[in-house]
Protein backbone atom coordinates (compact mmCIF):
# COMPACT_ATOMS: atom_id res chain seq x y z
CA MET A 1 40.71 157.50 86.40
CA GLY A 2 39.42 158.11 82.89
CA ASN A 3 35.94 158.63 81.52
CA HIS A 4 33.20 157.66 84.02
CA SER A 5 30.22 158.02 81.69
CA ASP A 6 29.20 154.45 82.34
CA GLY A 7 25.56 155.13 83.14
CA THR A 8 26.00 155.32 86.92
CA PRO A 9 24.27 158.12 88.84
CA THR A 10 27.60 159.87 89.39
CA SER A 11 28.48 160.01 85.71
CA SER A 12 25.08 160.33 84.01
CA ASP A 13 22.40 162.97 84.34
CA ALA A 14 19.75 160.51 85.56
CA VAL A 15 19.84 162.14 89.01
CA ALA A 16 19.85 165.89 89.45
CA LYS A 17 22.65 167.16 91.71
CA ALA A 18 23.63 170.53 93.06
CA GLY A 19 25.62 172.42 90.46
CA HIS A 20 24.17 170.59 87.51
CA ASP A 21 21.97 172.21 84.97
CA GLU A 22 18.26 172.05 85.81
CA VAL A 23 16.69 168.86 84.54
CA ASP A 24 13.92 169.48 82.05
CA LYS A 25 10.45 169.10 83.58
CA PHE A 26 7.90 166.67 82.18
CA GLN A 27 5.47 168.37 79.93
CA ASP A 28 1.92 168.63 81.23
CA PRO A 29 -0.11 166.18 79.13
CA GLY A 30 -3.27 168.17 79.83
CA LEU A 31 -6.76 166.87 80.43
CA PRO A 32 -8.15 164.06 78.30
CA PRO A 33 -10.76 165.00 75.69
CA HIS A 34 -14.19 165.43 77.19
CA ARG A 35 -16.67 162.70 76.25
CA LEU A 36 -20.23 163.87 75.93
CA ARG A 37 -22.99 161.81 77.52
CA LEU A 38 -26.24 160.95 75.81
CA ALA A 39 -28.06 163.49 77.98
CA ASP A 40 -25.64 166.19 76.77
CA THR A 41 -26.52 165.68 73.12
CA ASP A 42 -30.10 164.42 73.18
CA PRO A 43 -32.76 166.63 74.88
CA LYS A 44 -35.13 163.67 75.06
CA ALA A 45 -32.53 161.63 76.94
CA ALA A 46 -31.98 164.54 79.33
CA LYS A 47 -35.71 164.81 79.96
CA ARG A 48 -35.94 161.07 80.48
CA ALA A 49 -33.10 161.18 83.02
CA GLU A 50 -34.82 164.07 84.79
CA HIS A 51 -38.01 162.02 85.11
CA GLN A 52 -36.04 159.02 86.40
CA VAL A 53 -34.45 161.13 89.11
CA ALA A 54 -37.83 162.57 90.06
CA TRP A 55 -39.35 159.08 90.28
CA LEU A 56 -36.52 157.94 92.54
CA PHE A 57 -37.23 160.87 94.87
CA ILE A 58 -40.93 159.99 94.77
CA ILE A 59 -40.03 156.40 95.73
CA SER A 60 -38.18 157.85 98.70
CA ILE A 61 -41.29 159.80 99.71
CA VAL A 62 -43.46 156.70 99.37
CA GLY A 63 -40.99 154.72 101.48
CA THR A 64 -41.25 157.30 104.25
CA LEU A 65 -45.03 157.10 104.12
CA ILE A 66 -44.88 153.27 104.29
CA PHE A 67 -42.75 153.62 107.42
CA PHE A 68 -45.36 155.81 109.09
CA VAL A 69 -48.16 153.45 108.06
CA GLY A 70 -46.35 150.64 109.86
CA TYR A 71 -45.36 152.78 112.83
CA PHE A 72 -48.73 154.37 113.50
CA GLY A 73 -51.16 152.15 111.58
CA VAL A 74 -50.19 148.69 112.83
CA ARG A 75 -51.36 148.34 116.42
CA LEU A 76 -49.28 145.93 118.49
CA ASP A 77 -51.34 143.43 120.48
CA ASP A 78 -48.48 141.49 122.10
CA THR A 79 -48.50 138.81 119.39
CA LEU A 80 -45.57 137.95 117.16
CA ASP A 81 -47.69 138.28 114.01
CA THR A 82 -48.40 141.99 114.50
CA LEU A 83 -44.81 142.60 115.59
CA ARG A 84 -43.51 140.94 112.42
CA LEU A 85 -45.99 142.91 110.31
CA GLN A 86 -44.92 146.21 111.81
CA ASN A 87 -41.22 145.36 111.45
CA THR A 88 -41.84 144.49 107.79
CA PHE A 89 -43.46 147.86 107.13
CA LEU A 90 -40.70 149.69 109.01
CA GLY A 91 -37.92 147.86 107.21
CA ILE A 92 -39.39 148.26 103.74
CA GLY A 93 -40.23 151.91 104.39
CA VAL A 94 -36.75 152.87 105.59
CA ALA A 95 -35.11 150.88 102.79
CA PHE A 96 -37.10 152.62 100.04
CA ALA A 97 -36.74 156.04 101.70
CA MET A 98 -32.94 155.83 101.90
CA LEU A 99 -32.43 153.92 98.64
CA GLY A 100 -34.65 156.28 96.65
CA ILE A 101 -33.03 159.50 97.75
CA GLY A 102 -29.49 158.10 97.56
CA THR A 103 -29.90 156.52 94.13
CA GLY A 104 -31.70 159.62 92.86
CA ILE A 105 -28.87 161.95 93.83
CA VAL A 106 -26.25 159.64 92.30
CA HIS A 107 -28.22 159.30 89.04
CA TRP A 108 -28.75 163.08 88.93
CA ALA A 109 -25.02 163.71 89.28
CA ARG A 110 -24.01 161.10 86.70
CA ALA A 111 -26.58 161.90 84.05
CA LEU A 112 -27.40 165.61 84.30
CA MET A 113 -24.82 167.59 86.26
CA PRO A 114 -21.79 168.92 84.32
CA ASP A 115 -18.91 166.47 84.35
CA HIS A 116 -16.09 168.55 82.85
CA GLU A 117 -12.72 168.10 84.48
CA VAL A 118 -11.08 171.36 85.51
CA ALA A 119 -7.77 172.32 87.06
CA GLU A 120 -7.53 175.36 89.29
CA GLU A 121 -4.67 176.95 91.16
CA ARG A 122 -4.98 176.62 94.90
CA HIS A 123 -4.89 179.89 96.78
CA GLU A 124 -6.05 181.33 100.06
CA LEU A 125 -9.09 183.58 100.41
CA ARG A 126 -7.71 186.78 101.87
CA SER A 127 -9.42 189.75 100.34
CA GLU A 128 -13.00 190.86 99.81
CA GLU A 129 -12.56 190.15 96.14
CA ASP A 130 -11.60 186.59 96.97
CA ARG A 131 -14.64 186.22 99.24
CA LEU A 132 -16.91 187.42 96.46
CA ALA A 133 -15.16 185.04 94.10
CA ALA A 134 -15.88 182.16 96.49
CA ILE A 135 -19.54 183.15 96.61
CA GLN A 136 -19.56 183.23 92.83
CA ILE A 137 -18.09 179.72 92.77
CA ILE A 138 -20.92 178.49 94.97
CA ASP A 139 -23.46 180.20 92.72
CA ASP A 140 -21.82 178.58 89.72
CA ILE A 141 -22.07 175.17 91.38
CA VAL A 142 -25.77 175.71 92.02
CA ASP A 143 -26.21 176.77 88.39
CA GLU A 144 -24.31 173.73 87.18
CA THR A 145 -26.59 171.36 89.08
CA GLY A 146 -29.43 172.70 86.96
CA ILE A 147 -31.72 172.73 89.99
CA LYS A 148 -33.06 176.16 89.04
CA ARG A 149 -33.89 174.99 85.54
CA ARG A 150 -35.38 171.67 86.64
CA PRO A 151 -38.23 172.40 89.06
CA LEU A 152 -39.46 168.80 88.93
CA ILE A 153 -36.22 167.50 90.41
CA ARG A 154 -36.03 170.41 92.86
CA ASN A 155 -39.53 169.91 94.23
CA THR A 156 -39.31 166.13 94.55
CA LEU A 157 -35.89 166.43 96.19
CA ILE A 158 -37.26 168.93 98.72
CA GLY A 159 -40.09 166.54 99.53
CA ALA A 160 -37.78 163.55 99.91
CA VAL A 161 -35.24 165.43 102.05
CA ALA A 162 -37.98 166.88 104.24
CA LEU A 163 -39.55 163.48 104.96
CA ALA A 164 -36.45 161.26 105.08
CA PRO A 165 -35.29 162.24 108.63
CA LEU A 166 -38.74 161.71 110.17
CA PRO A 167 -38.48 157.89 110.49
CA ALA A 168 -35.19 158.29 112.37
CA ILE A 169 -36.81 160.79 114.75
CA ALA A 170 -39.70 158.40 115.35
CA ILE A 171 -37.34 155.47 115.98
CA PHE A 172 -35.23 157.45 118.46
CA ARG A 173 -38.38 158.53 120.28
CA ASP A 174 -39.44 154.90 120.58
CA LEU A 175 -36.17 153.56 121.99
CA GLY A 176 -37.78 153.32 125.40
CA PRO A 177 -39.88 155.11 127.98
CA LEU A 178 -38.96 158.65 128.84
CA PRO A 179 -37.28 159.13 132.21
CA GLY A 180 -39.64 159.86 135.06
CA ASN A 181 -42.62 157.95 136.36
CA ALA A 182 -42.45 155.44 133.49
CA LEU A 183 -39.37 153.81 135.06
CA ARG A 184 -40.16 154.54 138.70
CA HIS A 185 -43.09 152.14 138.97
CA THR A 186 -43.61 148.55 137.78
CA LEU A 187 -46.30 145.88 138.26
CA TRP A 188 -44.65 144.67 141.46
CA LYS A 189 -46.66 145.41 144.59
CA GLU A 190 -47.20 143.95 148.01
CA GLY A 191 -48.38 140.35 147.77
CA GLU A 192 -47.63 140.02 144.03
CA ARG A 193 -46.49 136.45 143.38
CA LEU A 194 -43.26 135.75 141.55
CA SER A 195 -43.88 133.53 138.51
CA ARG A 196 -41.63 131.87 135.97
CA ASP A 197 -41.01 133.51 132.63
CA PRO A 198 -42.55 132.75 130.17
CA ASP A 199 -45.15 130.22 131.41
CA GLY A 200 -46.29 132.29 134.41
CA THR A 201 -46.12 129.44 136.96
CA PRO A 202 -45.87 130.74 140.57
CA ILE A 203 -42.65 129.82 142.36
CA ARG A 204 -42.50 128.19 145.78
CA ALA A 205 -39.54 129.00 147.98
CA ALA A 206 -38.91 125.27 148.36
CA ASP A 207 -38.38 124.97 144.58
CA VAL A 208 -35.44 127.40 144.58
CA THR A 209 -32.24 125.51 145.34
CA ILE A 210 -28.83 126.96 146.09
CA GLY A 211 -27.09 127.88 142.84
CA SER A 212 -30.29 128.01 140.80
CA ALA A 213 -31.46 131.07 138.86
CA PHE A 214 -34.95 131.91 137.59
CA HIS A 215 -36.16 134.54 135.16
CA VAL A 216 -39.20 135.95 136.94
CA ILE A 217 -42.18 138.13 136.05
CA PRO A 218 -45.18 139.35 138.10
CA GLU A 219 -48.06 136.87 138.10
CA SER A 220 -50.54 139.62 137.17
CA LEU A 221 -48.66 140.19 133.91
CA ASN A 222 -50.45 137.16 132.44
CA LYS A 223 -53.81 138.91 132.91
CA LEU A 224 -52.89 142.07 131.03
CA GLU A 225 -54.45 142.57 127.60
CA HIS A 226 -52.51 145.65 126.47
CA GLY A 227 -49.04 146.94 127.20
CA LYS A 228 -47.77 143.51 128.22
CA LEU A 229 -44.39 143.89 126.48
CA ASN A 230 -43.65 147.29 128.05
CA GLU A 231 -44.64 146.18 131.55
CA LYS A 232 -42.62 142.98 131.24
CA ALA A 233 -39.56 144.90 130.07
CA LYS A 234 -39.65 146.99 133.24
CA ALA A 235 -40.64 144.32 135.78
CA VAL A 236 -38.56 141.27 134.81
CA VAL A 237 -36.18 140.13 137.57
CA LEU A 238 -33.58 137.45 138.28
CA LEU A 239 -34.21 135.17 141.26
CA MET A 240 -31.30 133.27 142.86
CA ARG A 241 -30.54 131.44 146.09
CA LEU A 242 -27.28 131.64 148.03
CA ASN A 243 -26.22 130.52 151.44
CA PRO A 244 -27.69 133.14 153.78
CA GLU A 245 -24.28 133.70 155.39
CA ASP A 246 -22.87 134.78 152.01
CA LEU A 247 -25.20 137.77 151.85
CA ASN A 248 -24.20 141.12 153.28
CA PRO A 249 -27.39 143.19 153.51
CA SER A 250 -27.14 146.84 154.39
CA GLU A 251 -29.11 148.49 157.16
CA GLY A 252 -32.81 148.41 156.38
CA ARG A 253 -32.52 145.55 153.91
CA GLU A 254 -32.11 142.68 156.32
CA ASP A 255 -35.56 141.27 155.50
CA TRP A 256 -35.50 141.85 151.72
CA ALA A 257 -34.34 138.27 151.11
CA TYR A 258 -35.88 134.98 152.23
CA ASN A 259 -33.57 132.18 153.42
CA GLY A 260 -30.87 133.32 151.00
CA ILE A 261 -33.29 133.85 148.09
CA VAL A 262 -32.83 137.27 146.49
CA ALA A 263 -34.43 139.03 143.51
CA TYR A 264 -32.84 141.80 141.43
CA SER A 265 -33.91 143.75 138.37
CA LYS A 266 -32.72 142.13 135.17
CA ILE A 267 -32.24 145.51 133.44
CA CYS A 268 -28.60 146.60 133.40
CA THR A 269 -28.09 150.06 134.89
CA HIS A 270 -25.68 150.98 132.07
CA VAL A 271 -27.85 151.16 128.93
CA GLY A 272 -30.66 148.73 129.76
CA CYS A 273 -29.42 145.43 128.31
CA PRO A 274 -30.72 142.23 129.95
CA VAL A 275 -28.43 140.87 132.66
CA ALA A 276 -28.73 137.15 132.06
CA LEU A 277 -25.47 135.43 133.05
CA TYR A 278 -25.07 134.11 136.61
CA GLU A 279 -21.76 132.65 137.77
CA GLN A 280 -22.56 130.38 140.72
CA GLN A 281 -19.05 130.05 142.13
CA THR A 282 -18.29 133.78 142.33
CA HIS A 283 -21.91 134.91 142.76
CA HIS A 284 -21.44 137.41 139.93
CA LEU A 285 -24.07 138.63 137.48
CA LEU A 286 -22.76 139.65 134.06
CA CYS A 287 -24.31 141.87 131.41
CA PRO A 288 -23.26 140.45 128.01
CA CYS A 289 -23.53 143.78 126.18
CA HIS A 290 -20.67 145.72 127.81
CA GLN A 291 -19.46 143.27 130.48
CA SER A 292 -20.76 145.17 133.50
CA THR A 293 -20.37 142.80 136.45
CA PHE A 294 -22.42 142.88 139.67
CA ASP A 295 -21.60 141.14 142.96
CA LEU A 296 -24.68 139.37 144.30
CA THR A 297 -23.23 139.08 147.79
CA GLN A 298 -22.88 142.88 148.02
CA GLU A 299 -26.39 143.82 146.90
CA CYS A 300 -25.33 143.70 143.23
CA LYS A 301 -22.64 146.33 143.62
CA VAL A 302 -20.80 147.10 140.37
CA ILE A 303 -17.32 145.54 140.45
CA PHE A 304 -16.44 145.84 136.76
CA GLY A 305 -17.60 147.57 133.59
CA PRO A 306 -19.25 150.86 132.64
CA ALA A 307 -22.33 150.58 134.87
CA VAL A 308 -22.21 153.00 137.81
CA ARG A 309 -25.23 151.91 139.87
CA PRO A 310 -26.14 148.58 141.49
CA LEU A 311 -29.09 146.60 140.17
CA PRO A 312 -32.28 147.54 142.06
CA GLN A 313 -33.35 144.86 144.53
CA LEU A 314 -36.93 143.62 144.81
CA PRO A 315 -37.92 142.94 148.44
CA ILE A 316 -39.47 139.45 148.68
CA THR A 317 -41.00 137.12 151.26
CA VAL A 318 -43.40 134.12 151.22
CA ASP A 319 -47.16 133.94 151.59
CA ALA A 320 -49.20 131.50 153.64
CA GLU A 321 -48.99 128.87 150.90
CA GLY A 322 -45.21 129.03 150.61
CA TYR A 323 -45.13 130.98 147.35
CA LEU A 324 -42.61 133.76 146.89
CA VAL A 325 -44.24 137.20 146.80
CA ALA A 326 -43.02 140.78 146.58
CA GLN A 327 -43.10 142.97 149.66
CA SER A 328 -43.46 146.09 147.50
CA ASP A 329 -42.34 147.61 144.23
CA PHE A 330 -38.68 148.46 143.68
CA HIS A 331 -37.57 151.25 145.99
CA GLU A 332 -35.73 153.02 143.15
CA PRO A 333 -36.24 153.38 139.39
CA VAL A 334 -35.15 150.46 137.25
CA GLY A 335 -33.22 150.80 134.01
CA PRO A 336 -30.17 152.71 132.79
CA SER A 337 -28.67 155.66 134.65
CA PHE A 338 -28.25 158.02 131.70
CA TRP A 339 -30.75 160.48 133.18
CA GLU A 340 -30.77 162.48 136.39
CA ARG A 341 -32.46 160.68 139.27
CA GLY A 342 -34.02 162.56 142.13
C-alpha cells in the first residue's frame, strides 16, 4: 500500500506500541528555586513574626477567659437583658479563643517554619532501622518548627491549647439537666392550676373547645424569682380537647382527662425539642426537629420518627371554680430517652 508515514498513530511514533523501541521519558524539571522569606534573611523580621504569633496565642487565652467571665460571672435573672449579655460574652470569648489559636498556628507556619519543598521516595517501614529513621523524621519535624528554640511561642501555645477546650466542656455540661431527679419532678402538683403561656392566665375547662390547643405552664411559675427558665422548660405542656369517644385510655388512666381535654408534656422524648405542631384532623402531634409523630388518641404513642417513648401525660381535672388543675406531677420523667430510666 506504500508509505504510511502520514502522521497517524499506526505510522508515527506518537503512541508507544508493543515491539517498538521505548519512548524517551520526559526529563524531570526538578523543583523550582527556593524563594527566601523576609524572616529567613532578616533576624528582626523573624523576631517580629515570633512576637506576632505569641500575641495571637495570648489573644486566644484572653478569649477563653472572656468566655468564663460570661459563663460564671453573669448571673441570669430570667430577663432577656442578662441573657443577651451572657451570650455576647460567650460568643466573643469563643470567637477570640478559636480565631487566636488558629491564626497563630497559620502565621507561625507561613512565617517561621521551614518551607523548602522536598521529594522523597515512598517506602514501607519494615525494619528496626526504618523505625528509627521514622522517629528521626519526627524529631527533625519538631526541630524544623523551631519550637525548642522559641520558648515564647512554645509557652503561649501551651497556654492557649490548654485553655481552648474548656469552653466546649462547659457548654456540653450546660446542655441540660443531668439525668435523675432533675427530670423526674416538675412544678406540677395536686391542685396546681393550668395557665396560659406566657401571660399566666388560668384556663377554665369551658374555654377549651374541640380542636383547640394551648401552650400551658403551672400557675405557680409566675411567682418564682429564680430558676424560672429551667422550671418552665421541664413543666411546659400542650393542652388539647377531643371528642371523648376518640380517646383510648389505658387501664388506670381513665380519669386523667376531663371531658376530652388532655395534657401532655411538650418535650419530645427523642432529644428534647419542643413538640408544637398539632394536626386537628388526624389528632397527631409533630416534633419539627426530627419529625417524630405522636398519636393523641393513643396516649401519644409514637407512630413515626426516631422517638421511642410516648409523651408523658399530665393527669388533670377541674376545681370548684371550673379551672383546670393537675391531679399530680407527671408519673414518669419528662424529656429525652437517651439515658437509662428506672
